[in-house]
Amino acid sequence: MTVNERLFTAGLLGHWYAAIEAGQREAAIALLKQVEMSEEGAAATVDAVLADPSKYGFPRPS
């Protein structure tokens, strides 16, 4: 299951998009941890998305 699928199934996908779009690193990490991602994996995923959001389909946070 992909990260987006896990977040969708848990009802957290909208919160994930909002956290990323707002550049809220800690909130995004907390969401990934809720879908059983490790602290290290969650941090690495969020850092990658925030470093180049357009690569992952997001606008750059303002």
PDB file of N, CA and C in Angstrom:
ATOM      1  N   MET A   1       0.850  -1.174   0.000  1.00  0.00           N
ATOM      2  CA  MET A   1       0.000   0.000   0.000  1.00  0.00           C
ATOM      3  C   MET A   1       0.900   1.243   0.000  1.00  0.00           C
ATOM      4  N   THR A   2       0.590   2.194  -0.851  1.00  0.00           N
ATOM      5  CA  THR A   2       1.384   3.428  -0.897  1.00  0.00           C
ATOM      6  C   THR A   2       1.069   4.310   0.308  1.00  0.00           C
ATOM      7  N   VAL A   3       1.904   5.296   0.536  1.00  0.00           N
ATOM      8  CA  VAL A   3       1.670   6.245   1.629  1.00  0.00           C
ATOM      9  C   VAL A   3       0.328   6.933   1.432  1.00  0.00           C
ATOM     10  N   ASN A   4       0.044   7.402   0.222  1.00  0.00           N
ATOM     11  CA  ASN A   4      -1.237   8.071  -0.031  1.00  0.00           C
ATOM     12  C   ASN A   4      -2.410   7.128   0.213  1.00  0.00           C
ATOM     13  N   GLU A   5      -2.278   5.873  -0.156  1.00  0.00           N
ATOM     14  CA  GLU A   5      -3.349   4.908   0.093  1.00  0.00           C
ATOM     15  C   GLU A   5      -3.560   4.703   1.593  1.00  0.00           C
ATOM     16  N   ARG A   6      -2.462   4.616   2.336  1.00  0.00           N
ATOM     17  CA  ARG A   6      -2.576   4.473   3.798  1.00  0.00           C
ATOM     18  C   ARG A   6      -3.263   5.686   4.409  1.00  0.00           C
ATOM     19  N   LEU A   7      -2.847   6.871   3.982  1.00  0.00           N
ATOM     20  CA  LEU A   7      -3.442   8.100   4.513  1.00  0.00           C
ATOM     21  C   LEU A   7      -4.918   8.192   4.136  1.00  0.00           C
ATOM     22  N   PHE A   8      -5.256   7.834   2.905  1.00  0.00           N
ATOM     23  CA  PHE A   8      -6.648   7.868   2.457  1.00  0.00           C
ATOM     24  C   PHE A   8      -7.497   6.907   3.296  1.00  0.00           C
ATOM     25  N   THR A   9      -7.022   5.685   3.457  1.00  0.00           N
ATOM     26  CA  THR A   9      -7.752   4.672   4.210  1.00  0.00           C
ATOM     27  C   THR A   9      -7.988   5.120   5.652  1.00  0.00           C
ATOM     28  N   ALA A  10      -7.015   5.824   6.216  1.00  0.00           N
ATOM     29  CA  ALA A  10      -7.130   6.305   7.597  1.00  0.00           C
ATOM     30  C   ALA A  10      -7.920   7.611   7.699  1.00  0.00           C
ATOM     31  N   GLY A  11      -8.342   8.156   6.556  1.00  0.00           N
ATOM     32  CA  GLY A  11      -9.083   9.420   6.567  1.00  0.00           C
ATOM     33  C   GLY A  11      -8.204  10.632   6.824  1.00  0.00           C
ATOM     34  N   LEU A  12      -6.913  10.502   6.514  1.00  0.00           N
ATOM     35  CA  LEU A  12      -5.951  11.566   6.815  1.00  0.00           C
ATOM     36  C   LEU A  12      -5.357  12.242   5.583  1.00  0.00           C
ATOM     37  N   LEU A  13      -5.781  11.843   4.409  1.00  0.00           N
ATOM     38  CA  LEU A  13      -5.152  12.367   3.194  1.00  0.00           C
ATOM     39  C   LEU A  13      -5.314  13.882   3.075  1.00  0.00           C
ATOM     40  N   GLY A  14      -6.483  14.406   3.362  1.00  0.00           N
ATOM     41  CA  GLY A  14      -6.691  15.857   3.307  1.00  0.00           C
ATOM     42  C   GLY A  14      -5.802  16.603   4.289  1.00  0.00           C
ATOM     43  N   HIS A  15      -5.632  16.021   5.473  1.00  0.00           N
ATOM     44  CA  HIS A  15      -4.760  16.634   6.480  1.00  0.00           C
ATOM     45  C   HIS A  15      -3.302  16.623   6.012  1.00  0.00           C
ATOM     46  N   TRP A  16      -2.905  15.534   5.354  1.00  0.00           N
ATOM     47  CA  TRP A  16      -1.547  15.408   4.804  1.00  0.00           C
ATOM     48  C   TRP A  16      -1.301  16.504   3.763  1.00  0.00           C
ATOM     49  N   TYR A  17      -2.235  16.647   2.815  1.00  0.00           N
ATOM     50  CA  TYR A  17      -2.092  17.691   1.797  1.00  0.00           C
ATOM     51  C   TYR A  17      -2.001  19.070   2.435  1.00  0.00           C
ATOM     52  N   ALA A  18      -2.854  19.332   3.418  1.00  0.00           N
ATOM     53  CA  ALA A  18      -2.850  20.639   4.081  1.00  0.00           C
ATOM     54  C   ALA A  18      -1.531  20.888   4.802  1.00  0.00           C
ATOM     55  N   ALA A  19      -1.015  19.879   5.487  1.00  0.00           N
ATOM     56  CA  ALA A  19       0.252  20.047   6.213  1.00  0.00           C
ATOM     57  C   ALA A  19       1.400  20.305   5.249  1.00  0.00           C
ATOM     58  N   ILE A  20       1.451  19.565   4.163  1.00  0.00           N
ATOM     59  CA  ILE A  20       2.530  19.762   3.179  1.00  0.00           C
ATOM     60  C   ILE A  20       2.404  21.130   2.525  1.00  0.00           C
ATOM     61  N   GLU A  21       1.210  21.488   2.098  1.00  0.00           N
ATOM     62  CA  GLU A  21       1.024  22.778   1.434  1.00  0.00           C
ATOM     63  C   GLU A  21       1.355  23.951   2.351  1.00  0.00           C
ATOM     64  N   ALA A  22       1.170  23.769   3.663  1.00  0.00           N
ATOM     65  CA  ALA A  22       1.492  24.822   4.634  1.00  0.00           C
ATOM     66  C   ALA A  22       2.941  24.740   5.105  1.00  0.00           C
ATOM     67  N   GLY A  23       3.669  23.723   4.658  1.00  0.00           N
ATOM     68  CA  GLY A  23       5.060  23.564   5.072  1.00  0.00           C
ATOM     69  C   GLY A  23       5.196  23.153   6.530  1.00  0.00           C
ATOM     70  N   GLN A  24       4.194  22.482   7.068  1.00  0.00           N
ATOM     71  CA  GLN A  24       4.188  22.079   8.478  1.00  0.00           C
ATOM     72  C   GLN A  24       4.848  20.708   8.633  1.00  0.00           C
ATOM     73  N   ARG A  25       6.163  20.724   8.752  1.00  0.00           N
ATOM     74  CA  ARG A  25       6.955  19.492   8.791  1.00  0.00           C
ATOM     75  C   ARG A  25       6.518  18.559   9.920  1.00  0.00           C
ATOM     76  N   GLU A  26       6.465  19.054  11.142  1.00  0.00           N
ATOM     77  CA  GLU A  26       6.149  18.191  12.286  1.00  0.00           C
ATOM     78  C   GLU A  26       4.739  17.602  12.189  1.00  0.00           C
ATOM     79  N   ALA A  27       3.783  18.388  11.710  1.00  0.00           N
ATOM     80  CA  ALA A  27       2.420  17.880  11.546  1.00  0.00           C
ATOM     81  C   ALA A  27       2.386  16.770  10.496  1.00  0.00           C
ATOM     82  N   ALA A  28       3.123  16.956   9.410  1.00  0.00           N
ATOM     83  CA  ALA A  28       3.158  15.946   8.354  1.00  0.00           C
ATOM     84  C   ALA A  28       3.816  14.660   8.857  1.00  0.00           C
ATOM     85  N   ILE A  29       4.879  14.791   9.625  1.00  0.00           N
ATOM     86  CA  ILE A  29       5.541  13.612  10.203  1.00  0.00           C
ATOM     87  C   ILE A  29       4.567  12.876  11.127  1.00  0.00           C
ATOM     88  N   ALA A  30       3.864  13.613  11.960  1.00  0.00           N
ATOM     89  CA  ALA A  30       2.907  12.997  12.889  1.00  0.00           C
ATOM     90  C   ALA A  30       1.832  12.217  12.129  1.00  0.00           C
ATOM     91  N   LEU A  31       1.390  12.744  11.012  1.00  0.00           N
ATOM     92  CA  LEU A  31       0.379  12.044  10.217  1.00  0.00           C
ATOM     93  C   LEU A  31       0.924  10.731   9.665  1.00  0.00           C
ATOM     94  N   LEU A  32       2.152  10.760   9.180  1.00  0.00           N
ATOM     95  CA  LEU A  32       2.735   9.530   8.643  1.00  0.00           C
ATOM     96  C   LEU A  32       2.957   8.494   9.740  1.00  0.00           C
ATOM     97  N   LYS A  33       3.305   8.945  10.916  1.00  0.00           N
ATOM     98  CA  LYS A  33       3.467   8.021  12.031  1.00  0.00           C
ATOM     99  C   LYS A  33       2.135   7.373  12.404  1.00  0.00           C
ATOM    100  N   GLN A  34       1.032   8.076  12.182  1.00  0.00           N
ATOM    101  CA  GLN A  34      -0.294   7.507  12.466  1.00  0.00           C
ATOM    102  C   GLN A  34      -0.628   6.347  11.534  1.00  0.00           C
ATOM    103  N   VAL A  35       0.005   6.302  10.378  1.00  0.00           N
ATOM    104  CA  VAL A  35      -0.237   5.192   9.451  1.00  0.00           C
ATOM    105  C   VAL A  35       0.936   4.212   9.490  1.00  0.00           C
ATOM    106  N   GLU A  36       1.540   4.130  10.673  1.00  0.00           N
ATOM    107  CA  GLU A  36       2.550   3.127  10.991  1.00  0.00           C
ATOM    108  C   GLU A  36       3.845   3.257  10.212  1.00  0.00           C
ATOM    109  N   MET A  37       4.231   4.488   9.915  1.00  0.00           N
ATOM    110  CA  MET A  37       5.535   4.723   9.325  1.00  0.00           C
ATOM    111  C   MET A  37       6.481   5.058  10.478  1.00  0.00           C
ATOM    112  N   SER A  38       7.718   4.597  10.403  1.00  0.00           N
ATOM    113  CA  SER A  38       8.686   4.882  11.463  1.00  0.00           C
ATOM    114  C   SER A  38       9.015   6.374  11.498  1.00  0.00           C
ATOM    115  N   GLU A  39       9.523   6.833  12.615  1.00  0.00           N
ATOM    116  CA  GLU A  39       9.932   8.238  12.769  1.00  0.00           C
ATOM    117  C   GLU A  39      10.935   8.623  11.678  1.00  0.00           C
ATOM    118  N   GLU A  40      11.920   7.756  11.462  1.00  0.00           N
ATOM    119  CA  GLU A  40      12.952   8.043  10.466  1.00  0.00           C
ATOM    120  C   GLU A  40      12.388   8.054   9.053  1.00  0.00           C
ATOM    121  N   GLY A  41      11.554   7.084   8.743  1.00  0.00           N
ATOM    122  CA  GLY A  41      10.934   7.024   7.423  1.00  0.00           C
ATOM    123  C   GLY A  41      10.009   8.195   7.173  1.00  0.00           C
ATOM    124  N   ALA A  42       9.239   8.551   8.197  1.00  0.00           N
ATOM    125  CA  ALA A  42       8.323   9.685   8.074  1.00  0.00           C
ATOM    126  C   ALA A  42       9.091  10.971   7.850  1.00  0.00           C
ATOM    127  N   ALA A  43      10.138  11.189   8.628  1.00  0.00           N
ATOM    128  CA  ALA A  43      10.936  12.414   8.491  1.00  0.00           C
ATOM    129  C   ALA A  43      11.584  12.489   7.111  1.00  0.00           C
ATOM    130  N   ALA A  44      12.125  11.372   6.647  1.00  0.00           N
ATOM    131  CA  ALA A  44      12.771  11.356   5.328  1.00  0.00           C
ATOM    132  C   ALA A  44      11.759  11.642   4.219  1.00  0.00           C
ATOM    133  N   THR A  45      10.569  11.059   4.327  1.00  0.00           N
ATOM    134  CA  THR A  45       9.532  11.283   3.324  1.00  0.00           C
ATOM    135  C   THR A  45       9.104  12.743   3.298  1.00  0.00           C
ATOM    136  N   VAL A  46       8.824  13.300   4.476  1.00  0.00           N
ATOM    137  CA  VAL A  46       8.383  14.693   4.556  1.00  0.00           C
ATOM    138  C   VAL A  46       9.484  15.625   4.064  1.00  0.00           C
ATOM    139  N   ASP A  47      10.719  15.391   4.453  1.00  0.00           N
ATOM    140  CA  ASP A  47      11.818  16.245   4.013  1.00  0.00           C
ATOM    141  C   ASP A  47      11.969  16.213   2.492  1.00  0.00           C
ATOM    142  N   ALA A  48      11.809  15.036   1.900  1.00  0.00           N
ATOM    143  CA  ALA A  48      11.904  14.924   0.436  1.00  0.00           C
ATOM    144  C   ALA A  48      10.786  15.703  -0.239  1.00  0.00           C
ATOM    145  N   VAL A  49       9.577  15.570   0.270  1.00  0.00           N
ATOM    146  CA  VAL A  49       8.437  16.275  -0.327  1.00  0.00           C
ATOM    147  C   VAL A  49       8.593  17.786  -0.159  1.00  0.00           C
ATOM    148  N   LEU A  50       9.000  18.226   1.018  1.00  0.00           N
ATOM    149  CA  LEU A  50       9.153  19.666   1.246  1.00  0.00           C
ATOM    150  C   LEU A  50      10.326  20.261   0.459  1.00  0.00           C
ATOM    151  N   ALA A  51      11.353  19.457   0.202  1.00  0.00           N
ATOM    152  CA  ALA A  51      12.508  19.944  -0.568  1.00  0.00           C
ATOM    153  C   ALA A  51      12.147  20.195  -2.025  1.00  0.00           C
ATOM    154  N   ASP A  52      11.246  19.381  -2.576  1.00  0.00           N
ATOM    155  CA  ASP A  52      10.850  19.530  -3.979  1.00  0.00           C
ATOM    156  C   ASP A  52       9.389  19.135  -4.138  1.00  0.00           C
ATOM    157  N   PRO A  53       8.478  19.964  -3.603  1.00  0.00           N
ATOM    158  CA  PRO A  53       7.055  19.595  -3.605  1.00  0.00           C
ATOM    159  C   PRO A  53       6.489  19.353  -5.001  1.00  0.00           C
ATOM    160  N   SER A  54       6.970  20.074  -6.003  1.00  0.00           N
ATOM    161  CA  SER A  54       6.418  19.897  -7.353  1.00  0.00           C
ATOM    162  C   SER A  54       6.703  18.504  -7.898  1.00  0.00           C
ATOM    163  N   LYS A  55       7.783  17.888  -7.457  1.00  0.00           N
ATOM    164  CA  LYS A  55       8.114  16.524  -7.873  1.00  0.00           C
ATOM    165  C   LYS A  55       7.034  15.543  -7.412  1.00  0.00           C
ATOM    166  N   TYR A  56       6.363  15.888  -6.322  1.00  0.00           N
ATOM    167  CA  TYR A  56       5.337  15.028  -5.747  1.00  0.00           C
ATOM    168  C   TYR A  56       3.931  15.549  -5.984  1.00  0.00           C
ATOM    169  N   GLY A  57       3.791  16.517  -6.877  1.00  0.00           N
ATOM    170  CA  GLY A  57       2.484  17.015  -7.268  1.00  0.00           C
ATOM    171  C   GLY A  57       1.927  18.122  -6.394  1.00  0.00           C
ATOM    172  N   PHE A  58       2.766  18.728  -5.557  1.00  0.00           N
ATOM    173  CA  PHE A  58       2.327  19.815  -4.689  1.00  0.00           C
ATOM    174  C   PHE A  58       2.875  21.156  -5.187  1.00  0.00           C
ATOM    175  N   PRO A  59       2.160  22.222  -4.934  1.00  0.00           N
ATOM    176  CA  PRO A  59       2.765  23.541  -5.157  1.00  0.00           C
ATOM    177  C   PRO A  59       3.806  23.780  -4.067  1.00  0.00           C
ATOM    178  N   ARG A  60       4.771  24.624  -4.351  1.00  0.00           N
ATOM    179  CA  ARG A  60       5.770  24.951  -3.324  1.00  0.00           C
ATOM    180  C   ARG A  60       5.084  25.679  -2.187  1.00  0.00           C
ATOM    181  N   PRO A  61       5.336  25.243  -0.901  1.00  0.00           N
ATOM    182  CA  PRO A  61       4.697  25.927   0.234  1.00  0.00           C
ATOM    183  C   PRO A  61       5.022  27.416   0.260  1.00  0.00           C
ATOM    184  N   SER A  62       4.068  28.226   0.711  1.00  0.00           N
ATOM    185  CA  SER A  62       4.293  29.676   0.769  1.00  0.00           C
ATOM    186  C   SER A  62       4.885  30.088   2.082  1.00  0.00           C
TER     187      SER A  62
END
